[in-house]
Structures are given as C-alpha cells and as structure tokens.
Amino acid sequence: MNIGIDAGGTLTKIVVDGEERDYKVIKSSNKEAIAKFVNHFEGANIYLTGGRQKVIAQLLNESPKGYSVEFDATFNGLKQLLSEQYDAMDRFIFCNIGTGSSYHLATDHQQRVGGSGVGGGLLMGLGYLLTGEQSFESLVRCSKSGHRDLIDLTVGHIYEGQDAPIPKDLTAANFGRVLDTLDEDVSKEDHMASVMGLIAETICTIGIHMAEMYDCEEVVYIGSTLQDNEVMLNVLNRYTNLRGKTPVLVENGSFAGALGCITSES
C-alpha cells in the first residue's frame, strides 16, 4: 500500500492508494490527527510533498520512502487524474488554487509561470470578516444562496437602458455598488457570493492571460478551494468559455500533489 501526503499551508491532503484509492483531508494545524491517521496503516510506503512535509515526517512511525518538490508532484498527479477523466492534452495551463494560487505551463514537464495571493486564504479571511463564519463549508454554503447584484457593479448597471458592447451580466467592478446600496438589505450570503465571484474572476483572468501568452487552449483548474464550491466552479467555467478558452475541471484535483508524490518516487 502506498500513501501520498501533500502537507500544505492550510490543508493536508492524503491519498491512500491500495486496492482502491481513498482520499482524506485534515487541517495542517492538526498535526497529531494527520500522524494518527497515517500511522494506522502499518507497513505502508509513505511519500510526502508540500511545504510542511518535513514537520509531518517527524511524527510518523514509518520512515518516508521519498520526498517530492510540490510543483512536480502536483504535475505528475494531475497527469494521472487527467488520463483517467479526459482525452490527452499535450499543452495546457493549470491553476492550482490552494491558500494562494499558482499557475503552470504543462507540456512534457511543468514550468511555474506565475502566482497570486488570491485563493483560499482570501476566501477564509475576507469571508470571516464579512460573515462571521469560520469554516470553509459554512462559507461555501452561504455563497450558494447569495446574490451579487447589490454588491458588484455589472456592465448592465453602467449601460442601463441601452445596448452594451459586452454581456451585461459581466462584472465591471467587484464590490463596486457597496456605497450605492447602503440602504438595501444585503445579507451575509450576498457578501459571500461576491467574495467567491471576486476570487474566481481574478484567478480566471490570470489563467486566461497565461494561456494566451503560452499558446494554450485549455485551462485546467484544481485545488482544495474548489471542493464542492459550486459558485466558484460556475464562474470559472463561464468566464473561461467566454474568453475563448476551454475550462477543464478535474475531479479530486485537490489531491494531485498527494497522488503525484507517490508516482514521482515509487
């Protein structure tokens, strides 16, 4: 049995690859829980990647079989997941949306071409400040029933009553209507829907520019921030298509690093 551990800044993703493949997520701050889960599998081959891999390794009963550079592990795991879910892609951009966001050109190897502080960390921090909710699941739940119309300025608000040169529901300014709707009843769900929109549109815009710069048709989106995040996934899908690129959403994509450190070293 092989176990891959991607010890990230906020979450640790674990893949148990035996007769079947199982996935597990534990907060990186809960090191004891991570060690307890992994140590349950006696005699397993353990592989690690991520910024906190050496910290986790010290708590394990079994000596790890190998350590991998996070970007390479993610690329290797992503290739495996893509081969299981899609037709072959020879050249693409992939966006890994974790605590922040990292952008990579994928050919026969990966090359990191950019990064951003916009990602899950912004979602959690700004989400808490606006809603008082502290869990990722609660913030995602809030966003699903929220509406952005009272918070975000759209093209339709600017071109009211006349034709617009681009679709009217596109965002002209994130949070651009806040001062104009102070007398309106804006809910925490509305705030959270707008936060999701801000993050997704920013990530998508960067990803599309990278795809244009490096002559790629597909933009692949992965990362723990997308887990069950319907609002963000919908924005990424729509905006990428609108800009003439093909969005690729990968099931269990947040576990690419954990899966890839197994294939990198085993």
Protein backbone atom coordinates (compact mmCIF):
# COMPACT_ATOMS: atom_id res chain seq x y z
CA MET A 1 0.00 0.00 0.00
CA ASN A 2 1.21 3.50 -0.89
CA ILE A 3 0.27 6.68 0.95
CA GLY A 4 0.88 10.13 -0.51
CA ILE A 5 0.78 13.18 1.75
CA ASP A 6 0.61 16.75 0.47
CA ALA A 7 1.21 18.88 3.58
CA GLY A 8 0.02 22.32 2.51
CA GLY A 9 -0.16 25.64 4.29
CA THR A 10 -3.80 25.24 5.33
CA LEU A 11 -4.84 21.68 4.50
CA THR A 12 -3.05 18.36 4.29
CA LYS A 13 -4.33 16.12 1.51
CA ILE A 14 -3.77 12.37 1.81
CA VAL A 15 -4.16 9.65 -0.81
CA VAL A 16 -4.27 6.01 0.28
CA ASP A 17 -3.54 4.01 -2.86
CA GLY A 18 -4.23 0.33 -2.29
CA GLU A 19 -6.74 -1.96 -3.94
CA GLU A 20 -8.88 1.16 -4.16
CA ARG A 21 -7.90 4.82 -3.95
CA ASP A 22 -9.15 6.75 -0.92
CA TYR A 23 -8.87 10.46 -0.20
CA LYS A 24 -8.63 12.32 3.10
CA VAL A 25 -8.28 15.98 4.11
CA ILE A 26 -7.10 17.16 7.53
CA LYS A 27 -6.21 20.68 8.64
CA SER A 28 -2.45 21.13 8.58
CA SER A 29 -2.52 22.70 12.03
CA ASN A 30 -3.82 19.38 13.44
CA LYS A 31 -0.52 17.52 13.07
CA GLU A 32 -1.45 14.87 15.63
CA ALA A 33 -4.59 13.91 13.70
CA ILE A 34 -2.58 13.60 10.48
CA ALA A 35 0.00 11.36 12.17
CA LYS A 36 -2.68 9.23 13.83
CA PHE A 37 -4.46 8.65 10.52
CA VAL A 38 -1.29 7.74 8.61
CA ASN A 39 0.26 5.63 11.40
CA HIS A 40 -2.84 3.44 11.35
CA PHE A 41 -1.53 1.90 8.08
CA GLU A 42 1.35 -0.22 9.35
CA GLY A 43 4.00 -1.11 6.79
CA ALA A 44 2.72 1.33 4.18
CA ASN A 45 5.07 3.06 1.76
CA ILE A 46 4.80 6.76 2.61
CA TYR A 47 5.65 9.63 0.25
CA LEU A 48 5.48 13.33 1.05
CA THR A 49 5.33 16.70 -0.63
CA GLY A 50 4.31 20.22 0.34
CA GLY A 51 5.74 22.97 2.50
CA ARG A 52 5.15 21.14 5.77
CA GLN A 53 6.28 17.68 4.70
CA LYS A 54 9.33 17.55 6.98
CA VAL A 55 7.23 18.55 10.01
CA ILE A 56 4.76 15.72 9.34
CA ALA A 57 7.55 13.22 8.63
CA GLN A 58 8.89 13.62 12.18
CA LEU A 59 5.57 12.37 13.59
CA LEU A 60 5.28 9.19 11.51
CA ASN A 61 6.11 5.68 12.71
CA GLU A 62 7.34 4.64 9.27
CA SER A 63 10.27 6.40 7.61
CA PRO A 64 9.07 8.03 4.38
CA LYS A 65 10.20 6.43 1.14
CA GLY A 66 10.61 9.75 -0.60
CA TYR A 67 10.09 13.49 -0.70
CA SER A 68 9.00 15.47 -3.78
CA VAL A 69 9.05 19.08 -4.89
CA GLU A 70 5.45 20.25 -4.64
CA PHE A 71 5.12 21.58 -8.20
CA ASP A 72 6.49 18.40 -9.78
CA ALA A 73 4.34 16.16 -7.60
CA THR A 74 1.23 18.14 -8.49
CA PHE A 75 2.03 17.89 -12.20
CA ASN A 76 2.59 14.12 -12.02
CA GLY A 77 -0.63 13.55 -10.07
CA LEU A 78 -2.58 15.84 -12.35
CA LYS A 79 -1.39 13.92 -15.42
CA GLN A 80 -2.66 10.71 -13.87
CA LEU A 81 -6.05 12.20 -12.97
CA LEU A 82 -6.43 13.77 -16.41
CA SER A 83 -5.62 10.45 -18.11
CA GLU A 84 -8.41 8.83 -16.09
CA GLN A 85 -11.00 11.53 -16.86
CA TYR A 86 -10.18 13.22 -20.20
CA ASP A 87 -8.60 12.71 -23.60
CA ALA A 88 -4.90 13.51 -23.82
CA MET A 89 -3.81 17.16 -23.67
CA ASP A 90 -0.28 17.94 -24.83
CA ARG A 91 -0.03 21.58 -23.77
CA PHE A 92 -2.12 23.47 -21.24
CA ILE A 93 -2.09 25.89 -18.31
CA PHE A 94 -3.03 24.57 -14.90
CA CYS A 95 -4.07 26.75 -11.99
CA ASN A 96 -3.62 25.24 -8.53
CA ILE A 97 -5.92 27.12 -6.17
CA GLY A 98 -4.93 26.47 -2.59
CA THR A 99 -4.25 29.08 0.08
CA GLY A 100 -2.98 31.22 -2.79
CA SER A 101 -2.87 30.42 -6.49
CA SER A 102 -0.06 29.04 -8.64
CA TYR A 103 0.00 28.96 -12.45
CA HIS A 104 1.94 26.42 -14.51
CA LEU A 105 2.62 25.65 -18.15
CA ALA A 106 2.29 21.91 -18.74
CA THR A 107 3.98 20.17 -21.67
CA ASP A 108 6.16 17.10 -21.12
CA HIS A 109 7.15 18.83 -17.88
CA GLN A 110 5.79 21.69 -15.79
CA GLN A 111 7.04 25.24 -15.59
CA ARG A 112 5.72 27.66 -13.00
CA VAL A 113 4.78 30.84 -14.86
CA GLY A 114 3.09 32.90 -12.14
CA GLY A 115 1.36 33.11 -8.81
CA SER A 116 -1.12 35.17 -6.85
CA GLY A 117 -2.15 35.70 -3.25
CA VAL A 118 -5.78 35.32 -4.32
CA GLY A 119 -7.14 31.94 -3.29
CA GLY A 120 -8.47 30.03 -0.32
CA GLY A 121 -6.70 32.23 2.21
CA LEU A 122 -8.55 35.28 0.91
CA LEU A 123 -11.80 33.30 0.88
CA MET A 124 -11.41 32.32 4.53
CA GLY A 125 -10.11 35.66 5.82
CA LEU A 126 -12.38 38.06 3.97
CA GLY A 127 -15.25 35.62 4.30
CA TYR A 128 -14.93 35.67 8.08
CA LEU A 129 -14.68 39.47 8.22
CA LEU A 130 -17.87 39.85 6.18
CA THR A 131 -19.97 36.98 7.54
CA GLY A 132 -18.56 35.88 10.91
CA GLU A 133 -18.39 32.30 9.61
CA GLN A 134 -15.12 30.46 10.25
CA SER A 135 -15.43 27.15 8.38
CA PHE A 136 -14.89 26.64 4.66
CA GLU A 137 -18.06 24.56 4.44
CA SER A 138 -20.17 27.34 6.02
CA LEU A 139 -18.76 29.98 3.69
CA VAL A 140 -19.41 27.82 0.61
CA ARG A 141 -22.94 27.17 1.86
CA CYS A 142 -23.53 30.90 2.31
CA SER A 143 -22.38 31.69 -1.21
CA LYS A 144 -24.82 29.25 -2.82
CA SER A 145 -27.89 31.25 -1.72
CA GLY A 146 -26.39 34.72 -2.14
CA HIS A 147 -26.87 37.32 -4.89
CA ARG A 148 -24.20 39.68 -6.17
CA ASP A 149 -26.45 42.36 -7.70
CA LEU A 150 -26.40 44.74 -4.71
CA ILE A 151 -22.63 44.46 -4.22
CA ASP A 152 -20.94 44.10 -7.61
CA LEU A 153 -21.20 46.69 -10.37
CA THR A 154 -22.03 44.99 -13.67
CA VAL A 155 -21.84 46.16 -17.26
CA GLY A 156 -25.64 46.23 -17.20
CA HIS A 157 -25.65 48.76 -14.36
CA ILE A 158 -23.44 51.07 -16.42
CA TYR A 159 -25.31 50.59 -19.71
CA GLU A 160 -28.77 50.75 -18.15
CA GLY A 161 -31.47 51.06 -20.79
CA GLN A 162 -29.16 50.69 -23.76
CA ASP A 163 -27.15 48.08 -25.62
CA ALA A 164 -23.72 47.18 -24.26
CA PRO A 165 -20.66 46.11 -26.26
CA ILE A 166 -20.14 43.07 -24.00
CA PRO A 167 -22.58 40.88 -21.99
CA LYS A 168 -24.41 42.95 -19.41
CA ASP A 169 -24.02 40.45 -16.59
CA LEU A 170 -20.22 40.68 -16.63
CA THR A 171 -18.61 42.31 -13.62
CA ALA A 172 -17.38 45.85 -14.23
CA ALA A 173 -16.16 46.37 -10.63
CA ASN A 174 -16.14 43.85 -7.80
CA PHE A 175 -17.83 45.39 -4.74
CA GLY A 176 -18.40 48.48 -6.89
CA ARG A 177 -22.03 49.06 -5.75
CA VAL A 178 -21.50 48.90 -1.99
CA LEU A 179 -21.70 52.66 -1.41
CA ASP A 180 -24.71 52.96 -3.73
CA THR A 181 -26.78 50.35 -1.88
CA LEU A 182 -26.15 51.27 1.75
CA ASP A 183 -29.90 51.45 2.40
CA GLU A 184 -30.52 48.00 0.97
CA ASP A 185 -30.77 44.78 3.00
CA VAL A 186 -27.58 42.98 1.99
CA SER A 187 -27.15 39.56 3.58
CA LYS A 188 -24.03 37.64 4.53
CA GLU A 189 -24.95 35.21 1.78
CA ASP A 190 -24.78 38.09 -0.72
CA HIS A 191 -21.39 39.13 0.64
CA MET A 192 -20.06 35.61 0.29
CA ALA A 193 -21.35 35.17 -3.26
CA SER A 194 -19.47 38.34 -4.19
CA VAL A 195 -16.29 37.16 -2.49
CA MET A 196 -16.45 33.93 -4.49
CA GLY A 197 -17.00 35.93 -7.66
CA LEU A 198 -14.04 38.21 -6.94
CA ILE A 199 -11.70 35.27 -6.34
CA ALA A 200 -12.88 33.20 -9.30
CA GLU A 201 -12.84 36.09 -11.77
CA THR A 202 -9.33 37.11 -10.71
CA ILE A 203 -7.98 33.56 -10.97
CA CYS A 204 -9.71 33.04 -14.30
CA THR A 205 -8.39 36.30 -15.76
CA ILE A 206 -4.81 35.43 -14.84
CA GLY A 207 -5.19 31.89 -16.13
CA ILE A 208 -6.58 33.06 -19.47
CA HIS A 209 -3.78 35.59 -19.93
CA MET A 210 -1.26 32.83 -19.23
CA ALA A 211 -2.98 30.58 -21.77
CA GLU A 212 -2.82 33.32 -24.39
CA MET A 213 0.81 34.10 -23.59
CA TYR A 214 1.90 30.46 -23.88
CA ASP A 215 -0.40 29.49 -26.77
CA CYS A 216 -2.63 27.04 -24.86
CA GLU A 217 -6.29 26.23 -25.49
CA GLU A 218 -7.12 24.52 -22.19
CA VAL A 219 -7.00 26.00 -18.70
CA VAL A 220 -7.11 23.31 -16.01
CA TYR A 221 -8.38 24.31 -12.56
CA ILE A 222 -7.50 22.28 -9.46
CA GLY A 223 -7.11 22.87 -5.75
CA SER A 224 -8.82 22.48 -2.40
CA THR A 225 -10.58 25.85 -2.71
CA LEU A 226 -12.80 24.34 -5.43
CA GLN A 227 -14.04 21.43 -3.30
CA ASP A 228 -17.88 21.42 -3.52
CA ASN A 229 -17.62 25.14 -4.37
CA GLU A 230 -20.44 25.41 -6.89
CA VAL A 231 -20.42 29.20 -7.18
CA MET A 232 -16.70 29.42 -7.91
CA LEU A 233 -16.75 26.48 -10.32
CA ASN A 234 -19.60 28.06 -12.28
CA VAL A 235 -17.77 31.38 -12.59
CA LEU A 236 -14.54 29.70 -13.71
CA ASN A 237 -16.39 27.64 -16.28
CA ARG A 238 -18.39 30.52 -17.74
CA TYR A 239 -15.65 33.14 -17.83
CA THR A 240 -13.10 30.79 -19.37
CA ASN A 241 -15.52 29.81 -22.13
CA LEU A 242 -16.45 33.44 -22.69
CA ARG A 243 -12.81 34.30 -23.33
CA GLY A 244 -12.46 31.56 -25.92
CA LYS A 245 -10.54 29.03 -23.84
CA THR A 246 -11.61 25.57 -22.67
CA PRO A 247 -12.03 25.13 -18.91
CA VAL A 248 -11.08 21.73 -17.52
CA LEU A 249 -12.37 20.88 -14.03
CA VAL A 250 -10.74 17.82 -12.51
CA GLU A 251 -12.48 15.52 -10.05
CA ASN A 252 -10.30 15.12 -6.94
CA GLY A 253 -7.90 17.65 -8.44
CA SER A 254 -7.00 18.95 -4.98
CA PHE A 255 -5.26 15.60 -4.36
CA ALA A 256 -2.95 15.87 -7.38
CA GLY A 257 0.08 16.61 -5.19
CA ALA A 258 -0.58 13.73 -2.80
CA LEU A 259 -1.13 11.31 -5.68
CA GLY A 260 1.81 12.66 -7.64
CA CYS A 261 4.37 12.27 -4.88
CA ILE A 262 3.63 8.53 -4.99
CA THR A 263 4.15 8.29 -8.74
CA SER A 264 7.19 10.57 -8.57
CA GLU A 265 9.10 8.42 -6.11
CA SER A 266 7.69 4.89 -6.24
